Amino acid sequence: IFLSRAYARKKGRNNVTLDDLIHVITPKGRASVPDAVKAELLQRIRSFLMSSSLW
């Protein structure tokens, strides 16, 4: 929230789009999730897809 507010203040509230915020926030959000959690989630998704014949 703080990062998006700071960005909006810097650019001007009326000059910020959702795409701008996503571009700014996504790298920090991804970096905040531990690699082990990402790996486990990916494995669970793969297992689900394989068991559902969607893969």
PDB file of N, CA and C in Angstrom:
ATOM      1  N   ILE A   1       0.833  -1.193   0.000  1.00  0.00           N
ATOM      2  CA  ILE A   1       0.000   0.000   0.000  1.00  0.00           C
ATOM      3  C   ILE A   1       0.871   1.247   0.000  1.00  0.00           C
ATOM      4  N   PHE A   2       1.925   1.228   0.797  1.00  0.00           N
ATOM      5  CA  PHE A   2       2.781   2.407   0.892  1.00  0.00           C
ATOM      6  C   PHE A   2       3.477   2.703  -0.422  1.00  0.00           C
ATOM      7  N   LEU A   3       3.899   1.650  -1.102  1.00  0.00           N
ATOM      8  CA  LEU A   3       4.582   1.832  -2.382  1.00  0.00           C
ATOM      9  C   LEU A   3       3.644   2.438  -3.417  1.00  0.00           C
ATOM     10  N   SER A   4       2.405   1.979  -3.446  1.00  0.00           N
ATOM     11  CA  SER A   4       1.451   2.517  -4.411  1.00  0.00           C
ATOM     12  C   SER A   4       1.080   3.961  -4.083  1.00  0.00           C
ATOM     13  N   ARG A   5       0.946   4.271  -2.805  1.00  0.00           N
ATOM     14  CA  ARG A   5       0.647   5.659  -2.418  1.00  0.00           C
ATOM     15  C   ARG A   5       1.786   6.589  -2.787  1.00  0.00           C
ATOM     16  N   ALA A   6       3.001   6.164  -2.516  1.00  0.00           N
ATOM     17  CA  ALA A   6       4.160   6.995  -2.839  1.00  0.00           C
ATOM     18  C   ALA A   6       4.253   7.219  -4.347  1.00  0.00           C
ATOM     19  N   TYR A   7       3.998   6.181  -5.111  1.00  0.00           N
ATOM     20  CA  TYR A   7       4.033   6.306  -6.571  1.00  0.00           C
ATOM     21  C   TYR A   7       2.954   7.272  -7.059  1.00  0.00           C
ATOM     22  N   ALA A   8       1.753   7.147  -6.482  1.00  0.00           N
ATOM     23  CA  ALA A   8       0.646   8.024  -6.880  1.00  0.00           C
ATOM     24  C   ALA A   8       0.939   9.478  -6.528  1.00  0.00           C
ATOM     25  N   ARG A   9       1.556   9.704  -5.404  1.00  0.00           N
ATOM     26  CA  ARG A   9       1.920  11.075  -5.031  1.00  0.00           C
ATOM     27  C   ARG A   9       2.963  11.638  -5.989  1.00  0.00           C
ATOM     28  N   LYS A  10       3.905  10.800  -6.349  1.00  0.00           N
ATOM     29  CA  LYS A  10       4.990  11.239  -7.237  1.00  0.00           C
ATOM     30  C   LYS A  10       4.461  11.582  -8.635  1.00  0.00           C
ATOM     31  N   LYS A  11       3.608  10.733  -9.182  1.00  0.00           N
ATOM     32  CA  LYS A  11       3.103  10.917 -10.539  1.00  0.00           C
ATOM     33  C   LYS A  11       1.883  11.822 -10.612  1.00  0.00           C
ATOM     34  N   GLY A  12       1.215  11.990  -9.489  1.00  0.00           N
ATOM     35  CA  GLY A  12      -0.051  12.721  -9.497  1.00  0.00           C
ATOM     36  C   GLY A  12      -1.181  11.727  -9.566  1.00  0.00           C
ATOM     37  N   ARG A  13      -2.094  11.830  -8.641  1.00  0.00           N
ATOM     38  CA  ARG A  13      -3.155  10.824  -8.506  1.00  0.00           C
ATOM     39  C   ARG A  13      -3.943  10.601  -9.789  1.00  0.00           C
ATOM     40  N   ASN A  14      -4.154  11.640 -10.551  1.00  0.00           N
ATOM     41  CA  ASN A  14      -4.937  11.506 -11.785  1.00  0.00           C
ATOM     42  C   ASN A  14      -4.112  10.995 -12.963  1.00  0.00           C
ATOM     43  N   ASN A  15      -2.825  10.835 -12.767  1.00  0.00           N
ATOM     44  CA  ASN A  15      -1.943  10.395 -13.851  1.00  0.00           C
ATOM     45  C   ASN A  15      -1.498   8.939 -13.699  1.00  0.00           C
ATOM     46  N   VAL A  16      -2.050   8.218 -12.755  1.00  0.00           N
ATOM     47  CA  VAL A  16      -1.630   6.848 -12.476  1.00  0.00           C
ATOM     48  C   VAL A  16      -2.710   5.883 -12.949  1.00  0.00           C
ATOM     49  N   THR A  17      -2.288   4.867 -13.680  1.00  0.00           N
ATOM     50  CA  THR A  17      -3.216   3.831 -14.126  1.00  0.00           C
ATOM     51  C   THR A  17      -2.992   2.553 -13.326  1.00  0.00           C
ATOM     52  N   LEU A  18      -3.921   1.650 -13.416  1.00  0.00           N
ATOM     53  CA  LEU A  18      -3.771   0.355 -12.759  1.00  0.00           C
ATOM     54  C   LEU A  18      -2.549  -0.368 -13.310  1.00  0.00           C
ATOM     55  N   ASP A  19      -2.327  -0.292 -14.603  1.00  0.00           N
ATOM     56  CA  ASP A  19      -1.154  -0.931 -15.204  1.00  0.00           C
ATOM     57  C   ASP A  19       0.138  -0.363 -14.628  1.00  0.00           C
ATOM     58  N   ASP A  20       0.178   0.950 -14.391  1.00  0.00           N
ATOM     59  CA  ASP A  20       1.356   1.572 -13.768  1.00  0.00           C
ATOM     60  C   ASP A  20       1.608   0.965 -12.394  1.00  0.00           C
ATOM     61  N   LEU A  21       0.561   0.872 -11.593  1.00  0.00           N
ATOM     62  CA  LEU A  21       0.710   0.335 -10.238  1.00  0.00           C
ATOM     63  C   LEU A  21       1.153  -1.123 -10.262  1.00  0.00           C
ATOM     64  N   ILE A  22       0.577  -1.894 -11.148  1.00  0.00           N
ATOM     65  CA  ILE A  22       0.971  -3.300 -11.261  1.00  0.00           C
ATOM     66  C   ILE A  22       2.448  -3.406 -11.624  1.00  0.00           C
ATOM     67  N   HIS A  23       2.885  -2.583 -12.556  1.00  0.00           N
ATOM     68  CA  HIS A  23       4.286  -2.595 -12.983  1.00  0.00           C
ATOM     69  C   HIS A  23       5.231  -2.235 -11.825  1.00  0.00           C
ATOM     70  N   VAL A  24       4.828  -1.325 -10.982  1.00  0.00           N
ATOM     71  CA  VAL A  24       5.663  -0.880  -9.869  1.00  0.00           C
ATOM     72  C   VAL A  24       5.651  -1.881  -8.717  1.00  0.00           C
ATOM     73  N   ILE A  25       4.485  -2.445  -8.415  1.00  0.00           N
ATOM     74  CA  ILE A  25       4.328  -3.275  -7.225  1.00  0.00           C
ATOM     75  C   ILE A  25       4.737  -4.734  -7.435  1.00  0.00           C
ATOM     76  N   THR A  26       4.534  -5.269  -8.622  1.00  0.00           N
ATOM     77  CA  THR A  26       4.760  -6.695  -8.877  1.00  0.00           C
ATOM     78  C   THR A  26       6.159  -7.188  -8.496  1.00  0.00           C
ATOM     79  N   PRO A  27       7.238  -6.517  -8.887  1.00  0.00           N
ATOM     80  CA  PRO A  27       8.556  -7.040  -8.519  1.00  0.00           C
ATOM     81  C   PRO A  27       8.764  -7.166  -7.006  1.00  0.00           C
ATOM     82  N   LYS A  28       8.310  -6.182  -6.255  1.00  0.00           N
ATOM     83  CA  LYS A  28       8.469  -6.243  -4.802  1.00  0.00           C
ATOM     84  C   LYS A  28       7.600  -7.348  -4.219  1.00  0.00           C
ATOM     85  N   GLY A  29       6.395  -7.499  -4.740  1.00  0.00           N
ATOM     86  CA  GLY A  29       5.511  -8.553  -4.263  1.00  0.00           C
ATOM     87  C   GLY A  29       6.080  -9.934  -4.521  1.00  0.00           C
ATOM     88  N   ARG A  30       6.586 -10.135  -5.704  1.00  0.00           N
ATOM     89  CA  ARG A  30       7.185 -11.441  -6.035  1.00  0.00           C
ATOM     90  C   ARG A  30       8.409 -11.717  -5.183  1.00  0.00           C
ATOM     91  N   ALA A  31       9.204 -10.710  -4.943  1.00  0.00           N
ATOM     92  CA  ALA A  31      10.416 -10.876  -4.144  1.00  0.00           C
ATOM     93  C   ALA A  31      10.091 -11.172  -2.685  1.00  0.00           C
ATOM     94  N   SER A  32       8.917 -10.764  -2.220  1.00  0.00           N
ATOM     95  CA  SER A  32       8.565 -10.963  -0.816  1.00  0.00           C
ATOM     96  C   SER A  32       8.076 -12.382  -0.520  1.00  0.00           C
ATOM     97  N   VAL A  33       7.772 -13.162  -1.557  1.00  0.00           N
ATOM     98  CA  VAL A  33       7.327 -14.542  -1.368  1.00  0.00           C
ATOM     99  C   VAL A  33       8.553 -15.455  -1.419  1.00  0.00           C
ATOM    100  N   PRO A  34       8.789 -16.232  -0.371  1.00  0.00           N
ATOM    101  CA  PRO A  34       9.961 -17.117  -0.351  1.00  0.00           C
ATOM    102  C   PRO A  34       9.950 -18.113  -1.518  1.00  0.00           C
ATOM    103  N   ASP A  35      11.134 -18.439  -2.007  1.00  0.00           N
ATOM    104  CA  ASP A  35      11.258 -19.381  -3.126  1.00  0.00           C
ATOM    105  C   ASP A  35      10.622 -20.732  -2.803  1.00  0.00           C
ATOM    106  N   ALA A  36      10.719 -21.173  -1.561  1.00  0.00           N
ATOM    107  CA  ALA A  36      10.132 -22.460  -1.178  1.00  0.00           C
ATOM    108  C   ALA A  36       8.619 -22.436  -1.346  1.00  0.00           C
ATOM    109  N   VAL A  37       7.994 -21.337  -1.034  1.00  0.00           N
ATOM    110  CA  VAL A  37       6.547 -21.212  -1.185  1.00  0.00           C
ATOM    111  C   VAL A  37       6.182 -21.221  -2.672  1.00  0.00           C
ATOM    112  N   LYS A  38       6.952 -20.511  -3.484  1.00  0.00           N
ATOM    113  CA  LYS A  38       6.702 -20.499  -4.928  1.00  0.00           C
ATOM    114  C   LYS A  38       6.830 -21.908  -5.504  1.00  0.00           C
ATOM    115  N   ALA A  39       7.863 -22.626  -5.093  1.00  0.00           N
ATOM    116  CA  ALA A  39       8.090 -23.982  -5.607  1.00  0.00           C
ATOM    117  C   ALA A  39       6.963 -24.916  -5.192  1.00  0.00           C
ATOM    118  N   GLU A  40       6.516 -24.824  -3.953  1.00  0.00           N
ATOM    119  CA  GLU A  40       5.428 -25.681  -3.488  1.00  0.00           C
ATOM    120  C   GLU A  40       4.131 -25.372  -4.236  1.00  0.00           C
ATOM    121  N   LEU A  41       3.840 -24.113  -4.429  1.00  0.00           N
ATOM    122  CA  LEU A  41       2.629 -23.730  -5.152  1.00  0.00           C
ATOM    123  C   LEU A  41       2.671 -24.233  -6.588  1.00  0.00           C
ATOM    124  N   LEU A  42       3.809 -24.088  -7.240  1.00  0.00           N
ATOM    125  CA  LEU A  42       3.954 -24.588  -8.606  1.00  0.00           C
ATOM    126  C   LEU A  42       3.742 -26.095  -8.661  1.00  0.00           C
ATOM    127  N   GLN A  43       4.285 -26.822  -7.686  1.00  0.00           N
ATOM    128  CA  GLN A  43       4.107 -28.268  -7.644  1.00  0.00           C
ATOM    129  C   GLN A  43       2.644 -28.637  -7.437  1.00  0.00           C
ATOM    130  N   ARG A  44       1.953 -27.914  -6.576  1.00  0.00           N
ATOM    131  CA  ARG A  44       0.536 -28.191  -6.342  1.00  0.00           C
ATOM    132  C   ARG A  44      -0.300 -27.917  -7.590  1.00  0.00           C
ATOM    133  N   ILE A  45       0.039 -26.870  -8.301  1.00  0.00           N
ATOM    134  CA  ILE A  45      -0.678 -26.556  -9.544  1.00  0.00           C
ATOM    135  C   ILE A  45      -0.454 -27.656 -10.565  1.00  0.00           C
ATOM    136  N   ARG A  46       0.787 -28.092 -10.705  1.00  0.00           N
ATOM    137  CA  ARG A  46       1.090 -29.178 -11.647  1.00  0.00           C
ATOM    138  C   ARG A  46       0.340 -30.449 -11.280  1.00  0.00           C
ATOM    139  N   SER A  47       0.341 -30.782  -9.996  1.00  0.00           N
ATOM    140  CA  SER A  47      -0.360 -31.991  -9.540  1.00  0.00           C
ATOM    141  C   SER A  47      -1.851 -31.902  -9.833  1.00  0.00           C
ATOM    142  N   PHE A  48      -2.428 -30.735  -9.581  1.00  0.00           N
ATOM    143  CA  PHE A  48      -3.845 -30.546  -9.863  1.00  0.00           C
ATOM    144  C   PHE A  48      -4.137 -30.712 -11.347  1.00  0.00           C
ATOM    145  N   LEU A  49      -3.316 -30.088 -12.168  1.00  0.00           N
ATOM    146  CA  LEU A  49      -3.537 -30.181 -13.614  1.00  0.00           C
ATOM    147  C   LEU A  49      -3.391 -31.601 -14.115  1.00  0.00           C
ATOM    148  N   MET A  50      -2.407 -32.319 -13.593  1.00  0.00           N
ATOM    149  CA  MET A  50      -2.209 -33.699 -14.009  1.00  0.00           C
ATOM    150  C   MET A  50      -3.387 -34.578 -13.570  1.00  0.00           C
ATOM    151  N   SER A  51      -3.899 -34.354 -12.381  1.00  0.00           N
ATOM    152  CA  SER A  51      -5.008 -35.184 -11.890  1.00  0.00           C
ATOM    153  C   SER A  51      -6.334 -34.807 -12.557  1.00  0.00           C
ATOM    154  N   SER A  52      -6.402 -33.621 -13.080  1.00  0.00           N
ATOM    155  CA  SER A  52      -7.634 -33.161 -13.746  1.00  0.00           C
ATOM    156  C   SER A  52      -7.587 -33.351 -15.257  1.00  0.00           C
ATOM    157  N   SER A  53      -6.516 -33.918 -15.740  1.00  0.00           N
ATOM    158  CA  SER A  53      -6.324 -34.117 -17.184  1.00  0.00           C
ATOM    159  C   SER A  53      -6.365 -32.820 -17.960  1.00  0.00           C
ATOM    160  N   LEU A  54      -5.975 -31.729 -17.327  1.00  0.00           N
ATOM    161  CA  LEU A  54      -5.943 -30.439 -17.998  1.00  0.00           C
ATOM    162  C   LEU A  54      -4.566 -30.112 -18.551  1.00  0.00           C
ATOM    163  N   TRP A  55      -3.591 -30.876 -18.240  1.00  0.00           N
ATOM    164  CA  TRP A  55      -2.198 -30.609 -18.636  1.00  0.00           C
ATOM    165  C   TRP A  55      -1.954 -31.013 -20.000  1.00  0.00           C
TER     166      TRP A  55
END
